[in-house]
Amino acid sequence: MACAFFFDAEPVGEPGVHALDACALCTKPLARDSDIFMYRGDTPFCSDECRQEQMQLDAACARQAAARRQKQFSSGTESGRARRESWEVSVAS
């Protein structure tokens, strides 16, 4: 009976933490007697294919975020340079 207490209870934790009851990508129910493919420690998938697809989606999101950061950094550098140049001009005049 003690085992049922630990394994059949609802998971306690932060919202958004996946329970091991459904695939995080396709939402296919996960059987207790089947393999579960994990990603990032706590995200379950029904198959290696679903896990790989999520990994590719995450990689694409990371590339887009990096491109946005690079664009913001480069535009911020240009505006900072323009401010410094205008300040130098006004001081020199």
N, C-alpha and C. Protein backbone atom coordinates (compact mmCIF):
# COMPACT_ATOMS: atom_id res chain seq x y z
N MET A 1 0.81 -1.20 0.00
CA MET A 1 0.00 0.00 0.00
C MET A 1 0.86 1.26 0.00
N ALA A 2 2.01 1.22 0.61
CA ALA A 2 2.88 2.39 0.64
C ALA A 2 3.32 2.79 -0.76
N CYS A 3 3.57 1.82 -1.64
CA CYS A 3 3.99 2.13 -3.01
C CYS A 3 2.90 2.90 -3.75
N ALA A 4 1.66 2.50 -3.57
CA ALA A 4 0.56 3.19 -4.24
C ALA A 4 0.49 4.64 -3.79
N PHE A 5 0.81 4.90 -2.55
CA PHE A 5 0.80 6.26 -2.04
C PHE A 5 1.79 7.13 -2.81
N PHE A 6 2.98 6.62 -3.06
CA PHE A 6 4.01 7.41 -3.72
C PHE A 6 3.80 7.52 -5.22
N PHE A 7 3.32 6.50 -5.87
CA PHE A 7 3.27 6.52 -7.33
C PHE A 7 1.91 6.87 -7.93
N ASP A 8 0.85 6.71 -7.21
CA ASP A 8 -0.47 7.00 -7.75
C ASP A 8 -0.97 8.39 -7.36
N ALA A 9 -0.27 9.06 -6.48
CA ALA A 9 -0.70 10.38 -6.04
C ALA A 9 -0.47 11.40 -7.16
N GLU A 10 -1.25 12.45 -7.14
CA GLU A 10 -1.04 13.53 -8.10
C GLU A 10 0.30 14.18 -7.82
N PRO A 11 1.03 14.56 -8.87
CA PRO A 11 2.32 15.19 -8.65
C PRO A 11 2.17 16.55 -7.97
N VAL A 12 3.02 16.81 -7.02
CA VAL A 12 3.01 18.08 -6.32
C VAL A 12 4.18 18.88 -6.88
N GLY A 13 3.94 20.12 -7.18
CA GLY A 13 5.03 20.94 -7.70
C GLY A 13 4.51 22.19 -8.34
N GLU A 14 5.35 22.78 -9.15
CA GLU A 14 5.01 24.03 -9.79
C GLU A 14 4.04 23.80 -10.95
N PRO A 15 3.20 24.77 -11.23
CA PRO A 15 2.33 24.65 -12.41
C PRO A 15 3.18 24.57 -13.66
N GLY A 16 2.73 23.80 -14.61
CA GLY A 16 3.48 23.65 -15.85
C GLY A 16 4.43 22.48 -15.84
N VAL A 17 4.64 21.87 -14.69
CA VAL A 17 5.48 20.69 -14.64
C VAL A 17 4.64 19.53 -15.14
N HIS A 18 5.17 18.80 -16.11
CA HIS A 18 4.42 17.74 -16.76
C HIS A 18 4.31 16.51 -15.87
N ALA A 19 3.11 15.98 -15.76
CA ALA A 19 2.92 14.69 -15.13
C ALA A 19 3.28 13.64 -16.18
N LEU A 20 3.55 12.45 -15.75
CA LEU A 20 3.92 11.39 -16.69
C LEU A 20 2.70 10.67 -17.22
N ASP A 21 1.65 11.41 -17.57
CA ASP A 21 0.43 10.76 -18.05
C ASP A 21 0.17 10.95 -19.54
N ALA A 22 0.83 11.93 -20.18
CA ALA A 22 0.61 12.16 -21.61
C ALA A 22 1.87 12.75 -22.24
N CYS A 23 2.03 12.48 -23.51
CA CYS A 23 3.15 13.04 -24.27
C CYS A 23 3.01 14.56 -24.31
N ALA A 24 4.10 15.26 -24.06
CA ALA A 24 4.08 16.72 -24.03
C ALA A 24 3.86 17.33 -25.41
N LEU A 25 4.10 16.58 -26.47
CA LEU A 25 3.94 17.12 -27.83
C LEU A 25 2.61 16.71 -28.46
N CYS A 26 2.35 15.41 -28.53
CA CYS A 26 1.14 14.95 -29.23
C CYS A 26 0.00 14.61 -28.27
N THR A 27 0.23 14.71 -26.99
CA THR A 27 -0.74 14.43 -25.91
C THR A 27 -1.27 13.00 -25.90
N LYS A 28 -0.56 12.09 -26.56
CA LYS A 28 -0.94 10.68 -26.52
C LYS A 28 -0.77 10.17 -25.08
N PRO A 29 -1.75 9.44 -24.55
CA PRO A 29 -1.61 8.92 -23.19
C PRO A 29 -0.40 8.00 -23.07
N LEU A 30 0.30 8.11 -21.96
CA LEU A 30 1.47 7.27 -21.71
C LEU A 30 1.08 6.14 -20.77
N ALA A 31 1.31 4.92 -21.20
CA ALA A 31 1.00 3.76 -20.37
C ALA A 31 2.13 3.56 -19.37
N ARG A 32 1.79 3.07 -18.20
CA ARG A 32 2.80 2.85 -17.16
C ARG A 32 3.78 1.75 -17.55
N ASP A 33 3.39 0.86 -18.47
CA ASP A 33 4.27 -0.24 -18.84
C ASP A 33 5.00 0.00 -20.16
N SER A 34 4.98 1.24 -20.66
CA SER A 34 5.67 1.55 -21.92
C SER A 34 6.86 2.48 -21.64
N ASP A 35 7.75 2.57 -22.61
CA ASP A 35 8.90 3.46 -22.47
C ASP A 35 8.43 4.91 -22.51
N ILE A 36 9.08 5.73 -21.72
CA ILE A 36 8.81 7.16 -21.72
C ILE A 36 10.13 7.85 -22.03
N PHE A 37 10.12 8.71 -23.02
CA PHE A 37 11.32 9.41 -23.46
C PHE A 37 11.30 10.80 -22.83
N MET A 38 12.31 11.10 -22.02
CA MET A 38 12.34 12.35 -21.27
C MET A 38 13.24 13.37 -21.97
N TYR A 39 12.91 14.65 -21.76
CA TYR A 39 13.70 15.76 -22.31
C TYR A 39 13.70 16.87 -21.28
N ARG A 40 14.84 17.46 -21.08
CA ARG A 40 15.04 18.54 -20.11
C ARG A 40 14.63 18.13 -18.71
N GLY A 41 14.81 16.89 -18.40
CA GLY A 41 14.62 16.42 -17.04
C GLY A 41 13.21 16.03 -16.65
N ASP A 42 12.20 16.80 -17.05
CA ASP A 42 10.86 16.52 -16.55
C ASP A 42 9.77 16.53 -17.61
N THR A 43 10.14 16.52 -18.88
CA THR A 43 9.15 16.57 -19.94
C THR A 43 9.06 15.22 -20.63
N PRO A 44 7.90 14.53 -20.52
CA PRO A 44 7.76 13.18 -21.09
C PRO A 44 7.27 13.19 -22.54
N PHE A 45 7.75 12.22 -23.30
CA PHE A 45 7.32 12.04 -24.69
C PHE A 45 7.04 10.56 -24.92
N CYS A 46 6.12 10.28 -25.85
CA CYS A 46 5.73 8.90 -26.12
C CYS A 46 6.74 8.18 -27.00
N SER A 47 7.53 8.93 -27.75
CA SER A 47 8.47 8.31 -28.67
C SER A 47 9.70 9.19 -28.85
N ASP A 48 10.73 8.59 -29.40
CA ASP A 48 11.94 9.35 -29.69
C ASP A 48 11.65 10.41 -30.76
N GLU A 49 10.73 10.11 -31.67
CA GLU A 49 10.37 11.05 -32.73
C GLU A 49 9.73 12.31 -32.15
N CYS A 50 8.82 12.15 -31.21
CA CYS A 50 8.19 13.32 -30.57
C CYS A 50 9.24 14.13 -29.81
N ARG A 51 10.11 13.45 -29.10
CA ARG A 51 11.16 14.15 -28.35
C ARG A 51 12.08 14.92 -29.31
N GLN A 52 12.47 14.27 -30.42
CA GLN A 52 13.34 14.93 -31.41
C GLN A 52 12.66 16.16 -32.01
N GLU A 53 11.37 16.04 -32.30
CA GLU A 53 10.64 17.18 -32.86
C GLU A 53 10.63 18.35 -31.88
N GLN A 54 10.41 18.06 -30.59
CA GLN A 54 10.43 19.13 -29.58
C GLN A 54 11.83 19.74 -29.47
N MET A 55 12.85 18.92 -29.56
CA MET A 55 14.22 19.43 -29.49
C MET A 55 14.50 20.35 -30.68
N GLN A 56 14.00 19.99 -31.86
CA GLN A 56 14.19 20.84 -33.04
C GLN A 56 13.41 22.15 -32.91
N LEU A 57 12.19 22.07 -32.37
CA LEU A 57 11.41 23.29 -32.13
C LEU A 57 12.13 24.21 -31.15
N ASP A 58 12.68 23.64 -30.08
CA ASP A 58 13.41 24.44 -29.09
C ASP A 58 14.65 25.07 -29.69
N ALA A 59 15.35 24.32 -30.54
CA ALA A 59 16.55 24.85 -31.19
C ALA A 59 16.19 26.01 -32.12
N ALA A 60 15.09 25.88 -32.85
CA ALA A 60 14.65 26.95 -33.75
C ALA A 60 14.27 28.20 -32.94
N CYS A 61 13.58 28.01 -31.84
CA CYS A 61 13.21 29.14 -30.98
C CYS A 61 14.46 29.82 -30.42
N ALA A 62 15.44 29.02 -30.02
CA ALA A 62 16.68 29.57 -29.48
C ALA A 62 17.43 30.38 -30.54
N ARG A 63 17.44 29.88 -31.78
CA ARG A 63 18.10 30.62 -32.87
C ARG A 63 17.39 31.95 -33.13
N GLN A 64 16.04 31.93 -33.11
CA GLN A 64 15.28 33.17 -33.34
C GLN A 64 15.53 34.17 -32.21
N ALA A 65 15.57 33.68 -30.98
CA ALA A 65 15.82 34.57 -29.84
C ALA A 65 17.22 35.18 -29.93
N ALA A 66 18.20 34.36 -30.32
CA ALA A 66 19.56 34.86 -30.47
C ALA A 66 19.63 35.91 -31.58
N ALA A 67 18.92 35.69 -32.67
CA ALA A 67 18.91 36.67 -33.76
C ALA A 67 18.26 37.98 -33.30
N ARG A 68 17.17 37.89 -32.53
CA ARG A 68 16.52 39.10 -32.00
C ARG A 68 17.46 39.85 -31.06
N ARG A 69 18.16 39.11 -30.19
CA ARG A 69 19.11 39.76 -29.27
C ARG A 69 20.23 40.43 -30.05
N GLN A 70 20.74 39.76 -31.07
CA GLN A 70 21.81 40.32 -31.89
C GLN A 70 21.33 41.59 -32.59
N LYS A 71 20.11 41.55 -33.11
CA LYS A 71 19.56 42.72 -33.80
C LYS A 71 19.38 43.88 -32.82
N GLN A 72 18.87 43.58 -31.61
CA GLN A 72 18.69 44.63 -30.60
C GLN A 72 20.05 45.19 -30.17
N PHE A 73 21.02 44.33 -30.02
CA PHE A 73 22.35 44.76 -29.60
C PHE A 73 22.97 45.66 -30.66
N SER A 74 22.88 45.24 -31.93
CA SER A 74 23.50 46.04 -32.99
C SER A 74 22.77 47.36 -33.18
N SER A 75 21.45 47.39 -33.07
CA SER A 75 20.73 48.65 -33.20
C SER A 75 20.97 49.53 -31.99
N GLY A 76 21.11 48.94 -30.82
CA GLY A 76 21.43 49.70 -29.61
C GLY A 76 22.81 50.30 -29.68
N THR A 77 23.76 49.59 -30.26
CA THR A 77 25.12 50.09 -30.42
C THR A 77 25.15 51.28 -31.38
N GLU A 78 24.39 51.18 -32.46
CA GLU A 78 24.35 52.26 -33.44
C GLU A 78 23.72 53.51 -32.84
N SER A 79 22.64 53.37 -32.09
CA SER A 79 22.00 54.54 -31.49
C SER A 79 22.90 55.13 -30.41
N GLY A 80 23.61 54.30 -29.68
CA GLY A 80 24.55 54.79 -28.67
C GLY A 80 25.68 55.55 -29.32
N ARG A 81 26.18 55.06 -30.45
CA ARG A 81 27.25 55.73 -31.18
C ARG A 81 26.75 57.09 -31.68
N ALA A 82 25.52 57.15 -32.20
CA ALA A 82 24.96 58.40 -32.69
C ALA A 82 24.82 59.41 -31.55
N ARG A 83 24.40 58.96 -30.38
CA ARG A 83 24.29 59.87 -29.23
C ARG A 83 25.65 60.41 -28.83
N ARG A 84 26.67 59.54 -28.81
CA ARG A 84 28.02 59.99 -28.44
C ARG A 84 28.54 60.99 -29.46
N GLU A 85 28.30 60.74 -30.76
CA GLU A 85 28.77 61.65 -31.78
C GLU A 85 28.08 63.00 -31.66
N SER A 86 26.79 63.02 -31.41
CA SER A 86 26.08 64.29 -31.29
C SER A 86 26.53 65.02 -30.03
N TRP A 87 26.84 64.30 -28.96
CA TRP A 87 27.31 64.94 -27.75
C TRP A 87 28.69 65.55 -27.99
N GLU A 88 29.56 64.83 -28.71
CA GLU A 88 30.89 65.35 -29.00
C GLU A 88 30.80 66.59 -29.86
N VAL A 89 29.88 66.62 -30.81
CA VAL A 89 29.71 67.78 -31.67
C VAL A 89 29.22 68.96 -30.87
N SER A 90 28.25 68.76 -29.98
CA SER A 90 27.71 69.89 -29.22
C SER A 90 28.73 70.43 -28.22
N VAL A 91 29.58 69.57 -27.68
CA VAL A 91 30.61 70.02 -26.76
C VAL A 91 31.67 70.81 -27.50
N ALA A 92 32.00 70.35 -28.72
CA ALA A 92 33.06 71.00 -29.49
C ALA A 92 32.64 72.35 -30.03
N SER A 93 31.35 72.61 -30.20
CA SER A 93 30.95 73.87 -30.81
C SER A 93 30.88 74.98 -29.83
